[in-house]
N, C-alpha and C. Protein backbone atom coordinates (compact mmCIF):
# COMPACT_ATOMS: atom_id res chain seq x y z
N MET A 1 193.37 118.30 319.95
CA MET A 1 193.96 118.90 318.91
C MET A 1 193.77 117.89 317.74
N ILE A 2 194.19 116.62 317.92
CA ILE A 2 194.10 115.73 316.90
C ILE A 2 192.58 115.43 316.42
N HIS A 3 191.69 115.25 317.49
CA HIS A 3 190.26 115.20 317.37
C HIS A 3 189.63 116.22 316.54
N ASP A 4 190.16 117.40 316.68
CA ASP A 4 189.50 118.55 316.05
C ASP A 4 189.87 118.52 314.54
N LYS A 5 191.27 118.03 314.19
CA LYS A 5 191.61 117.99 312.78
C LYS A 5 191.08 116.91 312.28
N THR A 6 190.89 115.77 312.76
CA THR A 6 190.10 114.73 312.25
C THR A 6 188.64 114.98 311.86
N GLU A 7 187.96 115.72 312.69
CA GLU A 7 186.55 116.04 312.41
C GLU A 7 186.43 117.06 311.31
N GLU A 8 187.43 117.99 311.32
CA GLU A 8 187.62 119.00 310.15
C GLU A 8 187.81 118.36 308.91
N GLU A 9 188.61 117.28 308.81
CA GLU A 9 188.92 116.68 307.67
C GLU A 9 187.71 115.85 307.27
N ALA A 10 186.90 115.17 308.11
CA ALA A 10 185.74 114.60 307.97
C ALA A 10 184.58 115.40 307.21
N ARG A 11 184.57 116.61 307.82
CA ARG A 11 183.51 117.79 307.44
C ARG A 11 184.06 118.06 305.93
N LYS A 12 185.16 118.41 305.87
CA LYS A 12 185.56 118.84 304.45
C LYS A 12 185.44 117.89 303.49
N LEU A 13 185.75 116.54 303.83
CA LEU A 13 185.48 115.35 302.76
C LEU A 13 183.87 115.17 302.44
N SER A 14 183.37 115.32 303.58
CA SER A 14 181.71 115.28 303.43
C SER A 14 181.17 116.30 302.31
N ASP A 15 181.62 117.69 302.54
CA ASP A 15 181.30 118.76 301.93
C ASP A 15 181.65 118.64 300.47
N GLU A 16 182.91 118.09 300.10
CA GLU A 16 183.46 117.73 298.86
C GLU A 16 182.62 116.90 298.00
N ARG A 17 182.07 115.87 298.81
CA ARG A 17 181.43 114.52 298.27
C ARG A 17 179.92 114.60 298.19
N LEU A 18 179.40 115.67 298.85
CA LEU A 18 178.00 115.91 299.00
C LEU A 18 177.21 115.88 297.71
N SER A 19 177.74 116.43 296.61
CA SER A 19 176.94 116.49 295.41
C SER A 19 177.05 114.96 294.74
N LYS A 20 177.99 114.40 294.94
CA LYS A 20 178.05 112.91 294.56
C LYS A 20 176.93 112.09 295.10
N PHE A 21 176.73 112.23 296.43
CA PHE A 21 175.90 111.56 297.27
C PHE A 21 174.48 111.97 296.86
N GLU A 22 174.37 113.27 296.67
CA GLU A 22 172.92 113.72 296.27
C GLU A 22 172.51 113.25 294.77
N LYS A 23 173.47 113.10 293.85
CA LYS A 23 173.19 112.60 292.56
C LYS A 23 172.73 111.00 292.68
N ILE A 24 173.26 110.30 293.62
CA ILE A 24 172.85 108.88 294.12
C ILE A 24 171.59 108.86 294.41
N ILE A 25 171.12 109.89 295.29
CA ILE A 25 169.72 109.81 295.92
C ILE A 25 168.81 110.22 294.83
N GLU A 26 169.20 111.15 294.09
CA GLU A 26 168.22 111.78 293.03
C GLU A 26 168.14 110.62 292.07
N TYR A 27 169.18 109.64 291.59
CA TYR A 27 169.10 108.58 290.72
C TYR A 27 167.86 107.59 291.29
N ASP A 28 168.26 107.25 292.71
CA ASP A 28 167.42 106.21 293.30
C ASP A 28 166.10 106.60 293.36
N ASN A 29 165.71 108.01 293.70
CA ASN A 29 164.38 108.38 293.72
C ASN A 29 163.71 108.29 292.47
N ARG A 30 164.30 108.73 291.36
CA ARG A 30 163.88 108.77 289.99
C ARG A 30 163.39 107.29 289.65
N GLN A 31 164.49 106.25 289.90
CA GLN A 31 164.24 104.81 289.64
C GLN A 31 163.13 104.46 290.23
N LEU A 32 162.89 104.73 291.59
CA LEU A 32 161.77 104.24 292.36
C LEU A 32 160.43 104.66 291.64
N ARG A 33 160.41 106.11 291.41
CA ARG A 33 159.19 106.79 290.90
C ARG A 33 158.79 106.39 289.62
N GLU A 34 159.70 106.18 288.76
CA GLU A 34 159.60 106.03 287.18
C GLU A 34 159.59 104.59 286.76
N GLU A 35 160.27 103.71 287.52
CA GLU A 35 160.45 102.33 287.06
C GLU A 35 159.79 101.34 288.13
N LEU A 36 160.39 101.29 289.29
CA LEU A 36 160.05 100.35 290.39
C LEU A 36 158.66 100.28 290.66
N VAL A 37 158.16 101.49 291.27
CA VAL A 37 156.79 101.49 291.65
C VAL A 37 155.72 101.15 290.59
N PRO A 38 155.98 101.71 289.42
CA PRO A 38 155.08 101.40 288.38
C PRO A 38 155.30 99.92 287.99
N ALA A 39 156.30 99.13 288.07
CA ALA A 39 156.30 97.80 287.85
C ALA A 39 155.65 97.03 288.90
N TYR A 40 155.88 97.52 290.15
CA TYR A 40 154.96 96.86 291.27
C TYR A 40 153.52 96.89 291.09
N ARG A 41 153.10 98.23 290.51
CA ARG A 41 151.77 98.44 290.45
C ARG A 41 151.10 97.58 289.45
N LYS A 42 152.02 97.18 288.28
CA LYS A 42 151.57 96.26 287.30
C LYS A 42 151.35 94.98 288.20
N MET A 43 152.33 94.52 288.85
CA MET A 43 152.15 93.12 289.61
C MET A 43 150.71 93.27 290.20
N VAL A 44 150.53 94.26 291.00
CA VAL A 44 149.19 94.35 291.64
C VAL A 44 147.90 94.23 290.87
N ASP A 45 148.05 94.88 289.67
CA ASP A 45 146.82 94.82 288.84
C ASP A 45 146.76 93.69 288.09
N LEU A 46 147.86 92.91 287.68
CA LEU A 46 147.85 91.56 287.22
C LEU A 46 147.38 90.61 288.17
N PHE A 47 147.79 90.63 289.34
CA PHE A 47 147.09 89.78 290.48
C PHE A 47 145.76 90.05 290.70
N LYS A 48 145.39 91.15 290.77
CA LYS A 48 144.01 91.35 290.97
C LYS A 48 143.21 90.93 289.73
N ASP A 49 143.41 91.16 288.82
CA ASP A 49 142.78 90.84 287.49
C ASP A 49 142.67 89.25 287.35
N SER A 50 143.59 88.67 287.64
CA SER A 50 143.75 87.07 287.66
C SER A 50 143.33 86.41 288.88
N MET A 51 143.02 87.05 289.91
CA MET A 51 142.62 86.48 291.24
C MET A 51 141.90 85.13 291.12
N TRP A 52 140.92 85.21 290.14
CA TRP A 52 140.06 84.11 290.00
C TRP A 52 140.85 82.81 289.67
N LEU A 53 142.20 82.92 289.10
CA LEU A 53 142.86 81.69 288.70
C LEU A 53 143.77 81.44 289.88
N ALA A 54 143.93 82.26 291.06
CA ALA A 54 144.99 82.21 291.84
C ALA A 54 144.38 80.98 292.95
N GLU A 55 145.34 80.10 293.50
CA GLU A 55 144.97 79.14 294.54
C GLU A 55 144.88 79.88 295.89
N PRO A 56 144.22 79.28 296.72
CA PRO A 56 144.13 80.18 298.05
C PRO A 56 145.41 80.35 298.62
N GLU A 57 146.51 79.35 298.61
CA GLU A 57 147.68 79.64 299.18
C GLU A 57 148.43 80.98 298.57
N THR A 58 148.01 81.38 297.27
CA THR A 58 148.70 82.31 296.53
C THR A 58 147.93 83.67 296.86
N LYS A 59 146.66 83.66 296.99
CA LYS A 59 145.88 84.76 297.40
C LYS A 59 146.33 85.40 298.69
N LYS A 60 146.71 84.58 299.66
CA LYS A 60 147.19 85.31 300.92
C LYS A 60 148.28 86.34 300.65
N HIS A 61 149.07 86.33 299.58
CA HIS A 61 150.15 87.13 299.35
C HIS A 61 149.44 88.51 298.75
N PHE A 62 148.50 88.64 298.25
CA PHE A 62 147.95 89.81 297.72
C PHE A 62 148.09 91.04 298.59
N LYS A 63 147.51 90.90 299.77
CA LYS A 63 147.45 92.07 300.69
C LYS A 63 148.92 92.49 300.86
N PRO A 64 149.90 91.80 301.49
CA PRO A 64 151.17 92.42 301.82
C PRO A 64 151.87 92.93 300.42
N LEU A 65 151.49 92.46 299.14
CA LEU A 65 151.90 93.23 297.81
C LEU A 65 151.26 94.40 297.69
N LEU A 66 149.96 94.59 297.99
CA LEU A 66 149.12 95.74 297.93
C LEU A 66 149.69 96.76 298.89
N GLU A 67 149.88 96.42 300.21
CA GLU A 67 150.38 97.29 301.31
C GLU A 67 151.66 97.90 300.74
N PHE A 68 152.65 96.96 300.31
CA PHE A 68 154.06 97.38 299.87
C PHE A 68 153.94 98.49 298.67
N VAL A 69 153.17 98.32 297.82
CA VAL A 69 152.96 99.33 296.78
C VAL A 69 152.22 100.55 297.19
N GLU A 70 151.15 100.47 297.99
CA GLU A 70 150.45 101.48 298.51
C GLU A 70 151.44 102.55 299.30
N LEU A 71 152.29 102.05 300.05
CA LEU A 71 153.20 102.59 300.99
C LEU A 71 154.17 103.53 300.27
N TRP A 72 154.54 102.81 299.16
CA TRP A 72 155.61 103.59 298.30
C TRP A 72 154.83 104.70 297.35
N GLU A 73 153.76 104.33 296.96
CA GLU A 73 152.80 105.28 296.29
C GLU A 73 152.60 106.55 296.98
N ARG A 74 152.19 106.36 298.41
CA ARG A 74 151.89 107.37 299.37
C ARG A 74 153.23 108.28 299.61
N HIS A 75 154.32 107.58 299.68
CA HIS A 75 155.32 108.22 300.00
C HIS A 75 155.80 109.22 298.58
N LEU A 76 155.72 108.51 297.44
CA LEU A 76 156.00 109.40 296.34
C LEU A 76 155.12 110.37 296.13
N ASP A 77 153.85 110.29 296.77
CA ASP A 77 152.86 111.55 296.65
C ASP A 77 153.03 112.44 297.68
N LYS A 78 154.04 112.16 298.53
CA LYS A 78 154.35 113.12 299.58
C LYS A 78 153.28 113.04 300.82
N SER A 79 152.43 112.02 300.89
CA SER A 79 151.39 112.01 301.86
C SER A 79 151.71 111.03 303.13
N ILE A 80 153.28 110.61 302.93
CA ILE A 80 153.45 109.73 304.13
C ILE A 80 155.15 110.03 304.12
N PRO A 81 155.76 110.42 305.22
CA PRO A 81 157.01 110.76 305.29
C PRO A 81 157.88 109.51 305.22
N PHE A 82 159.09 109.76 304.67
CA PHE A 82 159.94 108.57 304.60
C PHE A 82 160.35 107.85 305.92
N GLU A 83 160.20 108.73 306.94
CA GLU A 83 160.63 108.36 308.33
C GLU A 83 159.66 107.30 308.94
N ILE A 84 158.48 107.35 308.36
CA ILE A 84 157.45 106.41 308.84
C ILE A 84 157.57 105.27 307.98
N ILE A 85 157.99 105.33 306.75
CA ILE A 85 158.25 103.87 306.06
C ILE A 85 159.50 103.23 306.72
N GLN A 86 160.55 103.95 307.18
CA GLN A 86 161.58 103.29 307.80
C GLN A 86 161.15 102.73 309.25
N ALA A 87 160.26 103.54 309.91
CA ALA A 87 159.90 103.11 311.19
C ALA A 87 159.11 101.74 310.96
N LEU A 88 158.58 101.74 310.04
CA LEU A 88 157.57 100.58 309.87
C LEU A 88 158.44 99.33 309.21
N GLY A 89 159.56 99.54 309.03
CA GLY A 89 160.36 98.50 308.59
C GLY A 89 160.15 98.10 307.18
N HIS A 90 159.51 99.02 306.40
CA HIS A 90 159.09 98.66 305.09
C HIS A 90 160.12 98.60 304.01
N GLY A 91 160.08 97.29 303.48
CA GLY A 91 161.15 97.15 302.46
C GLY A 91 160.73 95.89 301.55
N GLU A 92 161.38 95.65 300.62
CA GLU A 92 161.19 94.30 299.76
C GLU A 92 161.30 93.09 300.33
N GLU A 93 161.98 93.08 301.52
CA GLU A 93 161.97 91.84 302.44
C GLU A 93 160.79 91.37 302.65
N SER A 94 159.79 91.99 302.82
CA SER A 94 158.36 91.72 302.98
C SER A 94 157.77 90.72 302.06
N LEU A 95 158.19 90.77 300.96
CA LEU A 95 157.75 90.17 299.60
C LEU A 95 158.46 88.82 299.32
N HIS A 96 159.49 88.64 300.15
CA HIS A 96 160.34 87.42 299.76
C HIS A 96 159.60 86.11 299.90
N THR A 97 158.69 85.95 300.85
CA THR A 97 157.96 84.83 300.94
C THR A 97 156.86 84.66 299.69
N PHE A 98 156.44 85.80 299.27
CA PHE A 98 155.75 85.75 297.93
C PHE A 98 156.59 85.48 296.80
N TYR A 99 157.56 85.91 296.64
CA TYR A 99 158.70 85.55 295.71
C TYR A 99 159.08 84.12 295.69
N ASP A 100 159.28 83.51 296.70
CA ASP A 100 159.63 82.04 296.97
C ASP A 100 158.47 81.37 296.55
N HIS A 101 157.06 81.84 297.01
CA HIS A 101 156.09 80.92 296.56
C HIS A 101 155.80 80.86 295.09
N LEU A 102 155.95 82.29 294.58
CA LEU A 102 156.08 82.12 293.00
C LEU A 102 156.82 81.28 292.31
N GLN A 103 158.13 81.19 292.92
CA GLN A 103 159.07 80.43 292.22
C GLN A 103 158.83 78.97 292.48
N LYS A 104 158.17 78.52 293.47
CA LYS A 104 157.76 77.13 293.87
C LYS A 104 156.59 76.84 292.77
N LYS A 105 155.55 77.79 292.78
CA LYS A 105 154.41 77.40 291.86
C LYS A 105 155.14 77.27 290.47
N HIS A 106 155.87 78.14 289.87
CA HIS A 106 156.45 78.25 288.62
C HIS A 106 157.09 76.81 288.37
N ASP A 107 158.00 76.39 289.12
CA ASP A 107 158.61 75.13 289.11
C ASP A 107 157.57 73.85 289.07
N GLU A 108 156.71 73.78 289.89
CA GLU A 108 155.85 72.83 289.98
C GLU A 108 154.97 72.68 288.59
N LEU A 109 154.49 73.89 288.09
CA LEU A 109 153.79 73.91 286.82
C LEU A 109 154.77 73.52 285.71
N ARG A 110 155.98 73.99 285.82
CA ARG A 110 156.77 73.62 284.66
C ARG A 110 157.21 71.96 284.69
N GLU A 111 157.19 71.52 285.75
CA GLU A 111 157.60 70.20 285.89
C GLU A 111 156.29 69.28 285.30
N LYS A 112 155.01 69.77 285.68
CA LYS A 112 153.85 69.20 285.21
C LYS A 112 153.71 69.30 283.72
N LEU A 113 154.09 70.30 283.08
CA LEU A 113 154.15 70.60 281.69
C LEU A 113 155.13 69.68 280.99
N GLU A 114 156.36 69.45 281.50
CA GLU A 114 157.33 68.55 280.99
C GLU A 114 156.83 67.08 280.91
N LYS A 115 156.12 66.78 282.09
CA LYS A 115 155.73 65.44 282.20
C LYS A 115 154.36 65.17 281.32
N GLY A 116 153.78 66.22 280.83
CA GLY A 116 152.60 66.16 279.97
C GLY A 116 151.21 66.13 280.88
N TYR A 117 151.43 66.52 282.16
CA TYR A 117 150.27 66.27 283.02
C TYR A 117 149.24 67.75 282.79
N ILE A 118 149.64 68.64 282.08
CA ILE A 118 148.80 69.63 281.78
C ILE A 118 148.59 69.98 280.10
């Protein structure tokens, strides 16, 4: 009896708040489609166009970045289901080593500039 009431209350609360959760999902999807993936695509294009300037240790980060962007673009194009992206463990965490590397290189170059080595 208590279990049924709790389950019924949970279902009622879920139904009442569904539209709010749908709005959150719609916002996140729009942001991914209109802002985030295009920004990542610009990163890929800049990286590709400037590859000749990149050090070997930086170049190794290109493939993971490209794969990250390609999977999201395929998902937005509806040519790969979201469940596949989830199953692959696809997320920005895969780029953290790249971000750390960029920060390290930035700091090294800034230090050289401050010391007048460049």
